């Protein structure tokens, strides 16, 4: 299962669409959970036309922070995991990475994953942990990412620079990347 915040115009959407299109359905059962792009963003959902995968639209999974909607989305993601029972949970982008990994930890901790643990993978397509938010928010988001990284099986960065930046911030261990 892959979880992506949104399929707006950009590299993460193309990456996820290629993964979804390229997995051999004879070997892999594939599911993609997609949030919604903002109204002003383009939508690359058409890249999934003909995909041989289960596509689940989750409109509450959106980029902006909204604590109530985010809690609702976490509950929905947990429910989807319980229904789909994935072996692998691969998240993309910050919001899907946070909520998807939290749902995966619930799945593995108190759900069906207790018997057959799902592996957690997160791809960093970049990051906003330095200079984007206020210093207090940066500290909070970095602490959350550190906590999640310790509980994630594998971390993927789209470049060596992103990986080095995140390691310098204490996110993940070199052997996880």
N, C-alpha and C. Protein backbone atom coordinates (compact mmCIF):
# COMPACT_ATOMS: atom_id res chain seq x y z
N UNK A 1 0.84 -1.18 0.00
CA UNK A 1 0.00 0.00 0.00
C UNK A 1 0.88 1.23 0.00
N UNK A 2 0.54 2.18 -0.88
CA UNK A 2 1.18 3.47 -0.90
C UNK A 2 0.15 4.51 -0.46
N UNK A 3 0.63 5.50 0.30
CA UNK A 3 -0.24 6.59 0.76
C UNK A 3 0.46 7.88 0.37
N UNK A 4 -0.27 8.75 -0.35
CA UNK A 4 0.30 10.01 -0.81
C UNK A 4 -0.68 11.14 -0.46
N UNK A 5 -0.12 12.26 0.00
CA UNK A 5 -0.96 13.38 0.41
C UNK A 5 -1.83 13.86 -0.74
N UNK A 6 -1.24 14.01 -1.91
CA UNK A 6 -2.00 14.47 -3.06
C UNK A 6 -1.21 14.21 -4.33
N UNK A 7 -1.92 14.13 -5.44
CA UNK A 7 -1.27 13.94 -6.73
C UNK A 7 -1.26 15.26 -7.49
N UNK A 8 -0.72 16.30 -6.83
CA UNK A 8 -0.58 17.59 -7.50
C UNK A 8 0.57 17.51 -8.50
N UNK A 9 0.67 18.52 -9.34
CA UNK A 9 1.69 18.51 -10.38
C UNK A 9 3.07 18.58 -9.73
N UNK A 10 3.89 17.56 -9.99
CA UNK A 10 5.24 17.52 -9.44
C UNK A 10 5.79 16.11 -9.38
N UNK A 11 7.03 16.03 -8.95
CA UNK A 11 7.75 14.77 -8.90
C UNK A 11 7.12 13.69 -8.04
N UNK A 12 6.65 13.99 -6.81
CA UNK A 12 6.07 12.93 -5.99
C UNK A 12 4.89 12.23 -6.67
N UNK A 13 4.03 13.01 -7.33
CA UNK A 13 2.87 12.41 -8.01
C UNK A 13 3.32 11.49 -9.14
N UNK A 14 4.29 11.94 -9.90
CA UNK A 14 4.79 11.11 -11.01
C UNK A 14 5.44 9.84 -10.47
N UNK A 15 6.23 9.98 -9.41
CA UNK A 15 6.89 8.84 -8.77
C UNK A 15 5.86 7.79 -8.32
N UNK A 16 4.84 8.26 -7.62
CA UNK A 16 3.81 7.35 -7.10
C UNK A 16 3.02 6.72 -8.25
N UNK A 17 2.69 7.51 -9.25
CA UNK A 17 1.95 6.96 -10.39
C UNK A 17 2.77 5.89 -11.11
N UNK A 18 4.08 6.14 -11.29
CA UNK A 18 4.93 5.13 -11.94
C UNK A 18 5.00 3.84 -11.12
N UNK A 19 5.12 3.99 -9.80
CA UNK A 19 5.12 2.79 -8.95
C UNK A 19 3.81 2.03 -9.09
N UNK A 20 2.72 2.77 -9.08
CA UNK A 20 1.40 2.14 -9.16
C UNK A 20 1.21 1.44 -10.51
N UNK A 21 1.66 2.06 -11.58
CA UNK A 21 1.50 1.48 -12.92
C UNK A 21 2.46 0.31 -13.17
N UNK A 22 3.62 0.32 -12.51
CA UNK A 22 4.68 -0.62 -12.87
C UNK A 22 4.69 -1.92 -12.09
N UNK A 23 4.03 -1.98 -10.96
CA UNK A 23 4.03 -3.23 -10.20
C UNK A 23 3.25 -4.31 -10.94
N UNK A 24 3.81 -5.47 -11.04
CA UNK A 24 3.20 -6.59 -11.74
C UNK A 24 2.03 -7.13 -10.92
N UNK A 25 0.79 -7.00 -11.41
CA UNK A 25 -0.37 -7.45 -10.63
C UNK A 25 -0.41 -8.97 -10.42
N UNK A 26 0.35 -9.71 -11.23
CA UNK A 26 0.42 -11.15 -11.03
C UNK A 26 1.27 -11.49 -9.80
N UNK A 27 2.15 -10.57 -9.41
CA UNK A 27 3.03 -10.81 -8.26
C UNK A 27 2.65 -10.00 -7.04
N UNK A 28 2.01 -8.82 -7.25
CA UNK A 28 1.74 -7.91 -6.15
C UNK A 28 0.31 -7.40 -6.19
N UNK A 29 -0.36 -7.46 -5.06
CA UNK A 29 -1.64 -6.79 -4.90
C UNK A 29 -1.30 -5.37 -4.45
N UNK A 30 -1.78 -4.39 -5.18
CA UNK A 30 -1.36 -3.02 -4.95
C UNK A 30 -2.55 -2.13 -4.61
N UNK A 31 -2.33 -1.22 -3.68
CA UNK A 31 -3.36 -0.28 -3.27
C UNK A 31 -2.71 1.09 -3.12
N UNK A 32 -3.40 2.13 -3.56
CA UNK A 32 -2.92 3.49 -3.43
C UNK A 32 -4.01 4.33 -2.78
N UNK A 33 -3.66 5.00 -1.68
CA UNK A 33 -4.57 5.92 -1.01
C UNK A 33 -4.13 7.33 -1.37
N UNK A 34 -5.07 8.12 -1.88
CA UNK A 34 -4.75 9.46 -2.40
C UNK A 34 -5.59 10.51 -1.67
N UNK A 35 -4.89 11.56 -1.21
CA UNK A 35 -5.59 12.73 -0.69
C UNK A 35 -5.94 13.67 -1.82
N UNK A 36 -6.36 14.88 -1.45
CA UNK A 36 -6.81 15.86 -2.43
C UNK A 36 -5.83 17.03 -2.55
N UNK A 37 -5.56 17.47 -3.78
CA UNK A 37 -4.76 18.69 -3.94
C UNK A 37 -5.59 19.92 -3.55
N UNK A 38 -4.91 21.00 -3.24
CA UNK A 38 -5.60 22.26 -2.98
C UNK A 38 -6.28 22.72 -4.27
N UNK A 39 -7.27 23.58 -4.13
CA UNK A 39 -8.05 24.04 -5.29
C UNK A 39 -7.17 24.71 -6.36
N UNK A 40 -6.11 25.39 -5.94
CA UNK A 40 -5.25 26.11 -6.89
C UNK A 40 -4.19 25.22 -7.54
N UNK A 41 -4.09 23.97 -7.12
CA UNK A 41 -3.08 23.06 -7.66
C UNK A 41 -3.67 22.22 -8.78
N UNK A 42 -2.81 21.81 -9.69
CA UNK A 42 -3.23 20.86 -10.71
C UNK A 42 -3.33 19.48 -10.12
N UNK A 43 -3.99 18.57 -10.80
CA UNK A 43 -4.20 17.21 -10.31
C UNK A 43 -3.74 16.22 -11.38
N UNK A 44 -2.80 15.34 -11.01
CA UNK A 44 -2.28 14.34 -11.95
C UNK A 44 -2.94 12.98 -11.79
N UNK A 45 -4.12 12.96 -11.25
CA UNK A 45 -4.85 11.69 -11.05
C UNK A 45 -5.01 10.91 -12.35
N UNK A 46 -5.06 11.62 -13.48
CA UNK A 46 -5.22 10.94 -14.77
C UNK A 46 -4.05 10.00 -15.08
N UNK A 47 -2.91 10.20 -14.43
CA UNK A 47 -1.78 9.29 -14.64
C UNK A 47 -2.09 7.87 -14.18
N UNK A 48 -3.13 7.72 -13.38
CA UNK A 48 -3.49 6.40 -12.86
C UNK A 48 -4.48 5.66 -13.75
N UNK A 49 -4.90 6.28 -14.84
CA UNK A 49 -5.84 5.63 -15.75
C UNK A 49 -5.28 4.29 -16.21
N UNK A 50 -6.05 3.26 -16.03
CA UNK A 50 -5.63 1.92 -16.43
C UNK A 50 -4.77 1.21 -15.41
N UNK A 51 -4.53 1.82 -14.27
CA UNK A 51 -3.71 1.16 -13.23
C UNK A 51 -4.43 -0.09 -12.73
N UNK A 52 -3.65 -1.13 -12.56
CA UNK A 52 -4.21 -2.38 -12.05
C UNK A 52 -3.95 -2.45 -10.55
N UNK A 53 -4.57 -1.52 -9.85
CA UNK A 53 -4.41 -1.39 -8.41
C UNK A 53 -5.72 -0.89 -7.83
N UNK A 54 -5.90 -1.11 -6.55
CA UNK A 54 -7.03 -0.53 -5.84
C UNK A 54 -6.66 0.92 -5.55
N UNK A 55 -7.52 1.84 -5.96
CA UNK A 55 -7.29 3.27 -5.72
C UNK A 55 -8.36 3.71 -4.72
N UNK A 56 -7.91 4.26 -3.60
CA UNK A 56 -8.84 4.73 -2.56
C UNK A 56 -8.67 6.23 -2.42
N UNK A 57 -9.75 6.95 -2.66
CA UNK A 57 -9.76 8.41 -2.54
C UNK A 57 -10.09 8.76 -1.09
N UNK A 58 -9.24 9.56 -0.47
CA UNK A 58 -9.44 9.97 0.92
C UNK A 58 -9.40 11.50 0.96
N UNK A 59 -10.55 12.17 0.68
CA UNK A 59 -10.57 13.63 0.56
C UNK A 59 -10.07 14.38 1.79
N UNK A 60 -10.19 13.81 2.98
CA UNK A 60 -9.74 14.51 4.19
C UNK A 60 -8.22 14.56 4.31
N UNK A 61 -7.51 13.77 3.53
CA UNK A 61 -6.04 13.80 3.53
C UNK A 61 -5.60 14.97 2.66
N UNK A 62 -5.27 16.09 3.32
CA UNK A 62 -4.90 17.31 2.62
C UNK A 62 -3.65 17.90 3.23
N UNK A 63 -2.99 18.74 2.47
CA UNK A 63 -1.70 19.32 2.87
C UNK A 63 -1.80 20.19 4.11
N UNK A 64 -2.81 21.04 4.19
CA UNK A 64 -2.87 22.00 5.30
C UNK A 64 -3.16 21.29 6.62
N UNK A 65 -2.65 21.89 7.70
CA UNK A 65 -2.88 21.34 9.03
C UNK A 65 -4.29 21.66 9.48
N UNK A 66 -4.99 20.63 9.96
CA UNK A 66 -6.34 20.77 10.49
C UNK A 66 -6.50 19.64 11.50
N UNK A 67 -6.27 19.91 12.78
CA UNK A 67 -6.24 18.84 13.78
C UNK A 67 -7.45 17.90 13.77
N UNK A 68 -8.66 18.42 13.65
CA UNK A 68 -9.84 17.54 13.64
C UNK A 68 -9.89 16.68 12.38
N UNK A 69 -9.67 17.31 11.23
CA UNK A 69 -9.66 16.55 9.98
C UNK A 69 -8.51 15.54 9.97
N UNK A 70 -7.37 15.92 10.55
CA UNK A 70 -6.22 15.01 10.58
C UNK A 70 -6.50 13.80 11.47
N UNK A 71 -7.17 14.01 12.61
CA UNK A 71 -7.55 12.87 13.46
C UNK A 71 -8.53 11.95 12.73
N UNK A 72 -9.49 12.55 12.04
CA UNK A 72 -10.45 11.77 11.25
C UNK A 72 -9.71 10.97 10.18
N UNK A 73 -8.76 11.62 9.52
CA UNK A 73 -7.98 10.95 8.47
C UNK A 73 -7.16 9.80 9.05
N UNK A 74 -6.56 9.99 10.21
CA UNK A 74 -5.81 8.92 10.87
C UNK A 74 -6.72 7.72 11.13
N UNK A 75 -7.92 7.98 11.63
CA UNK A 75 -8.87 6.89 11.88
C UNK A 75 -9.26 6.18 10.58
N UNK A 76 -9.49 6.94 9.52
CA UNK A 76 -9.83 6.35 8.22
C UNK A 76 -8.67 5.52 7.67
N UNK A 77 -7.44 6.03 7.80
CA UNK A 77 -6.29 5.27 7.33
C UNK A 77 -6.15 3.97 8.10
N UNK A 78 -6.34 4.03 9.41
CA UNK A 78 -6.27 2.79 10.21
C UNK A 78 -7.33 1.80 9.73
N UNK A 79 -8.53 2.29 9.48
CA UNK A 79 -9.60 1.40 8.99
C UNK A 79 -9.24 0.77 7.64
N UNK A 80 -8.68 1.59 6.75
CA UNK A 80 -8.26 1.09 5.43
C UNK A 80 -7.19 0.01 5.60
N UNK A 81 -6.23 0.23 6.48
CA UNK A 81 -5.18 -0.77 6.72
C UNK A 81 -5.79 -2.07 7.25
N UNK A 82 -6.73 -1.96 8.19
CA UNK A 82 -7.38 -3.15 8.74
C UNK A 82 -8.07 -3.92 7.61
N UNK A 83 -8.70 -3.20 6.67
CA UNK A 83 -9.41 -3.85 5.56
C UNK A 83 -8.44 -4.45 4.53
N UNK A 84 -7.40 -3.72 4.17
CA UNK A 84 -6.49 -4.14 3.10
C UNK A 84 -5.42 -5.12 3.56
N UNK A 85 -5.01 -5.04 4.82
CA UNK A 85 -3.98 -5.91 5.42
C UNK A 85 -2.69 -5.97 4.60
N UNK A 86 -2.04 -4.83 4.42
CA UNK A 86 -0.84 -4.80 3.58
C UNK A 86 0.37 -5.42 4.27
N UNK A 87 1.30 -5.88 3.45
CA UNK A 87 2.60 -6.34 3.95
C UNK A 87 3.56 -5.17 4.05
N UNK A 88 3.32 -4.14 3.24
CA UNK A 88 4.20 -2.99 3.16
C UNK A 88 3.35 -1.73 3.11
N UNK A 89 3.74 -0.73 3.91
CA UNK A 89 3.08 0.58 3.90
C UNK A 89 4.15 1.59 3.52
N UNK A 90 3.96 2.20 2.35
CA UNK A 90 4.96 3.13 1.79
C UNK A 90 4.31 4.50 1.68
N UNK A 91 4.80 5.46 2.46
CA UNK A 91 4.20 6.79 2.49
C UNK A 91 5.06 7.79 1.73
N UNK A 92 4.38 8.83 1.22
CA UNK A 92 5.03 9.87 0.43
C UNK A 92 4.48 11.22 0.87
N UNK A 93 5.38 12.19 1.05
CA UNK A 93 5.03 13.56 1.43
C UNK A 93 4.76 13.64 2.93
N UNK A 94 4.85 14.85 3.47
CA UNK A 94 4.86 15.04 4.92
C UNK A 94 3.57 14.57 5.62
N UNK A 95 2.42 15.04 5.16
CA UNK A 95 1.17 14.70 5.85
C UNK A 95 0.88 13.21 5.76
N UNK A 96 0.97 12.65 4.57
CA UNK A 96 0.73 11.22 4.41
C UNK A 96 1.79 10.42 5.16
N UNK A 97 3.02 10.94 5.20
CA UNK A 97 4.09 10.26 5.92
C UNK A 97 3.82 10.20 7.41
N UNK A 98 3.32 11.28 7.97
CA UNK A 98 3.02 11.31 9.40
C UNK A 98 1.80 10.45 9.71
N UNK A 99 0.68 10.75 9.08
CA UNK A 99 -0.56 10.03 9.39
C UNK A 99 -0.49 8.56 8.95
N UNK A 100 0.13 8.30 7.80
CA UNK A 100 0.23 6.92 7.32
C UNK A 100 1.09 6.05 8.22
N UNK A 101 2.22 6.61 8.68
CA UNK A 101 3.08 5.82 9.58
C UNK A 101 2.44 5.65 10.94
N UNK A 102 1.73 6.68 11.44
CA UNK A 102 1.01 6.52 12.70
C UNK A 102 -0.05 5.42 12.58
N UNK A 103 -0.80 5.44 11.48
CA UNK A 103 -1.80 4.39 11.24
C UNK A 103 -1.12 3.02 11.14
N UNK A 104 0.05 2.98 10.50
CA UNK A 104 0.81 1.73 10.40
C UNK A 104 1.27 1.23 11.75
N UNK A 105 1.69 2.14 12.62
CA UNK A 105 2.09 1.74 13.97
C UNK A 105 0.90 1.19 14.75
N UNK A 106 -0.27 1.80 14.58
CA UNK A 106 -1.49 1.26 15.22
C UNK A 106 -1.82 -0.12 14.66
N UNK A 107 -1.73 -0.24 13.35
CA UNK A 107 -2.00 -1.52 12.68
C UNK A 107 -1.09 -2.62 13.22
N UNK A 108 0.20 -2.30 13.34
CA UNK A 108 1.16 -3.29 13.83
C UNK A 108 1.06 -3.52 15.33
N UNK A 109 0.62 -2.50 16.06
CA UNK A 109 0.59 -2.59 17.51
C UNK A 109 -0.66 -3.24 18.09
N UNK A 110 -1.82 -2.86 17.55
CA UNK A 110 -3.07 -3.37 18.12
C UNK A 110 -3.97 -4.01 17.07
N UNK A 111 -3.57 -3.95 15.82
CA UNK A 111 -4.39 -4.48 14.74
C UNK A 111 -3.85 -5.79 14.19
N UNK A 112 -4.29 -6.13 12.99
CA UNK A 112 -3.87 -7.39 12.35
C UNK A 112 -2.36 -7.52 12.18
N UNK A 113 -1.65 -6.40 12.17
CA UNK A 113 -0.20 -6.43 12.03
C UNK A 113 0.52 -7.06 13.22
N UNK A 114 -0.19 -7.27 14.33
CA UNK A 114 0.44 -7.97 15.47
C UNK A 114 0.84 -9.39 15.06
N UNK A 115 0.05 -10.01 14.21
CA UNK A 115 0.34 -11.38 13.77
C UNK A 115 1.30 -11.42 12.59
N UNK A 116 1.17 -10.45 11.70
CA UNK A 116 2.04 -10.36 10.53
C UNK A 116 2.33 -8.89 10.28
N UNK A 117 3.44 -8.44 10.81
CA UNK A 117 3.81 -7.04 10.82
C UNK A 117 4.01 -6.48 9.41
N UNK A 118 3.41 -5.32 9.16
CA UNK A 118 3.64 -4.60 7.91
C UNK A 118 4.92 -3.78 8.05
N UNK A 119 5.73 -3.77 7.02
CA UNK A 119 6.94 -2.96 6.99
C UNK A 119 6.56 -1.52 6.66
N UNK A 120 7.22 -0.57 7.32
CA UNK A 120 6.95 0.85 7.09
C UNK A 120 8.12 1.48 6.34
N UNK A 121 7.79 2.17 5.25
CA UNK A 121 8.78 2.86 4.42
C UNK A 121 8.26 4.28 4.19
N UNK A 122 9.15 5.25 4.26
CA UNK A 122 8.74 6.61 3.93
C UNK A 122 9.74 7.21 2.95
N UNK A 123 9.22 7.84 1.90
CA UNK A 123 10.06 8.55 0.94
C UNK A 123 9.97 10.04 1.20
N UNK A 124 11.14 10.65 1.39
CA UNK A 124 11.25 12.11 1.50
C UNK A 124 11.51 12.64 0.11
N UNK A 125 10.57 13.37 -0.43
CA UNK A 125 10.73 13.99 -1.74
C UNK A 125 11.34 15.39 -1.60
N UNK A 126 11.80 15.69 -0.42
CA UNK A 126 12.34 16.98 0.01
C UNK A 126 11.93 17.11 1.47
N UNK A 127 12.11 18.28 2.04
CA UNK A 127 11.63 18.51 3.40
C UNK A 127 11.49 20.00 3.65
N UNK A 128 10.71 20.33 4.67
CA UNK A 128 10.47 21.73 5.04
C UNK A 128 10.85 21.94 6.51
N UNK A 129 11.86 21.22 6.97
CA UNK A 129 12.22 21.24 8.38
C UNK A 129 13.27 22.28 8.74
N UNK A 130 13.58 23.15 7.82
CA UNK A 130 14.57 24.17 8.09
C UNK A 130 14.20 25.45 7.36
N UNK A 131 13.72 26.45 8.09
CA UNK A 131 13.46 27.75 7.51
C UNK A 131 12.08 27.97 6.93
N UNK A 132 11.25 26.96 6.87
CA UNK A 132 9.93 27.11 6.27
C UNK A 132 8.91 27.59 7.31
N UNK A 133 8.98 27.00 8.50
CA UNK A 133 8.08 27.35 9.60
C UNK A 133 8.83 28.18 10.64
N UNK A 134 8.12 28.62 11.66
CA UNK A 134 8.77 29.32 12.78
C UNK A 134 9.73 28.35 13.47
N UNK A 135 10.66 28.87 14.26
CA UNK A 135 11.64 28.00 14.91
C UNK A 135 10.96 27.01 15.85
N UNK A 136 9.91 27.43 16.54
CA UNK A 136 9.19 26.51 17.42
C UNK A 136 8.51 25.39 16.65
N UNK A 137 7.88 25.74 15.54
CA UNK A 137 7.25 24.72 14.69
C UNK A 137 8.30 23.79 14.10
N UNK A 138 9.42 24.35 13.65
CA UNK A 138 10.51 23.52 13.12
C UNK A 138 10.96 22.50 14.15
N UNK A 139 11.14 22.94 15.40
CA UNK A 139 11.57 22.01 16.47
C UNK A 139 10.53 20.91 16.68
N UNK A 140 9.25 21.29 16.71
CA UNK A 140 8.18 20.31 16.91
C UNK A 140 8.14 19.30 15.77
N UNK A 141 8.12 19.78 14.53
CA UNK A 141 8.03 18.88 13.38
C UNK A 141 9.27 18.01 13.26
N UNK A 142 10.43 18.54 13.60
CA UNK A 142 11.66 17.73 13.58
C UNK A 142 11.60 16.64 14.64
N UNK A 143 11.12 16.97 15.84
CA UNK A 143 10.98 15.97 16.90
C UNK A 143 10.01 14.86 16.48
N UNK A 144 8.91 15.23 15.85
CA UNK A 144 7.95 14.23 15.37
C UNK A 144 8.60 13.34 14.32
N UNK A 145 9.33 13.94 13.38
CA UNK A 145 10.00 13.15 12.33
C UNK A 145 11.05 12.23 12.92
N UNK A 146 11.80 12.68 13.92
CA UNK A 146 12.78 11.82 14.58
C UNK A 146 12.10 10.62 15.20
N UNK A 147 11.00 10.88 15.91
CA UNK A 147 10.25 9.81 16.58
C UNK A 147 9.73 8.80 15.55
N UNK A 148 9.14 9.30 14.47
CA UNK A 148 8.61 8.41 13.43
C UNK A 148 9.73 7.63 12.74
N UNK A 149 10.85 8.30 12.47
CA UNK A 149 11.97 7.64 11.78
C UNK A 149 12.48 6.45 12.59
N UNK A 150 12.52 6.58 13.91
CA UNK A 150 12.98 5.47 14.75
C UNK A 150 12.07 4.26 14.63
N UNK A 151 10.86 4.46 14.18
CA UNK A 151 9.87 3.39 14.10
C UNK A 151 9.58 2.98 12.65
N UNK A 152 10.35 3.53 11.72
CA UNK A 152 10.19 3.25 10.30
C UNK A 152 11.30 2.31 9.86
N UNK A 153 10.93 1.29 9.09
CA UNK A 153 11.92 0.28 8.67
C UNK A 153 12.94 0.84 7.69
N UNK A 154 12.47 1.59 6.69
CA UNK A 154 13.36 2.13 5.68
C UNK A 154 12.95 3.55 5.34
N UNK A 155 13.96 4.38 5.10
CA UNK A 155 13.75 5.76 4.68
C UNK A 155 14.39 5.94 3.32
N UNK A 156 13.71 6.65 2.44
CA UNK A 156 14.21 6.88 1.09
C UNK A 156 14.24 8.39 0.87
N UNK A 157 15.33 8.89 0.32
CA UNK A 157 15.43 10.30 -0.06
C UNK A 157 15.64 10.37 -1.56
N UNK A 158 15.09 11.40 -2.17
CA UNK A 158 15.22 11.53 -3.62
C UNK A 158 16.59 12.04 -4.04
N UNK A 159 17.41 12.45 -3.06
CA UNK A 159 18.77 12.88 -3.40
C UNK A 159 19.68 12.69 -2.19
N UNK A 160 20.98 12.65 -2.45
CA UNK A 160 21.95 12.58 -1.36
C UNK A 160 21.87 13.82 -0.47
N UNK A 161 21.59 14.96 -1.07
CA UNK A 161 21.49 16.21 -0.29
C UNK A 161 20.35 16.13 0.72
N UNK A 162 19.20 15.65 0.29
CA UNK A 162 18.06 15.51 1.20
C UNK A 162 18.41 14.53 2.33
N UNK A 163 19.02 13.42 1.97
CA UNK A 163 19.42 12.43 2.98
C UNK A 163 20.39 13.03 3.99
N UNK A 164 21.41 13.72 3.50
CA UNK A 164 22.41 14.35 4.39
C UNK A 164 21.76 15.40 5.30
N UNK A 165 20.88 16.22 4.73
CA UNK A 165 20.18 17.23 5.53
C UNK A 165 19.38 16.58 6.67
N UNK A 166 18.66 15.52 6.34
CA UNK A 166 17.82 14.86 7.34
C UNK A 166 18.66 14.15 8.39
N UNK A 167 19.74 13.51 7.98
CA UNK A 167 20.63 12.89 8.96
C UNK A 167 21.23 13.95 9.89
N UNK A 168 21.59 15.11 9.34
CA UNK A 168 22.14 16.20 10.16
C UNK A 168 21.12 16.70 11.18
N UNK A 169 19.84 16.57 10.85
CA UNK A 169 18.78 16.96 11.77
C UNK A 169 18.44 15.84 12.76
N UNK A 170 19.14 14.71 12.65
CA UNK A 170 18.91 13.59 13.56
C UNK A 170 17.74 12.71 13.16
N UNK A 171 17.37 12.77 11.89
CA UNK A 171 16.24 11.97 11.41
C UNK A 171 16.78 10.72 10.74
N UNK A 172 16.53 9.60 11.38
CA UNK A 172 16.98 8.31 10.88
C UNK A 172 18.44 8.03 11.19
N UNK A 173 18.80 6.77 11.00
CA UNK A 173 20.17 6.31 11.15
C UNK A 173 20.70 5.99 9.75
N UNK A 174 22.02 6.13 9.54
CA UNK A 174 22.55 5.90 8.18
C UNK A 174 22.12 4.56 7.58
N UNK A 175 22.04 3.51 8.38
CA UNK A 175 21.68 2.19 7.85
C UNK A 175 20.20 2.09 7.44
N UNK A 176 19.37 3.04 7.84
CA UNK A 176 17.95 3.02 7.43
C UNK A 176 17.78 3.56 6.03
N UNK A 177 18.71 4.39 5.56
CA UNK A 177 18.56 5.08 4.28
C UNK A 177 18.99 4.20 3.14
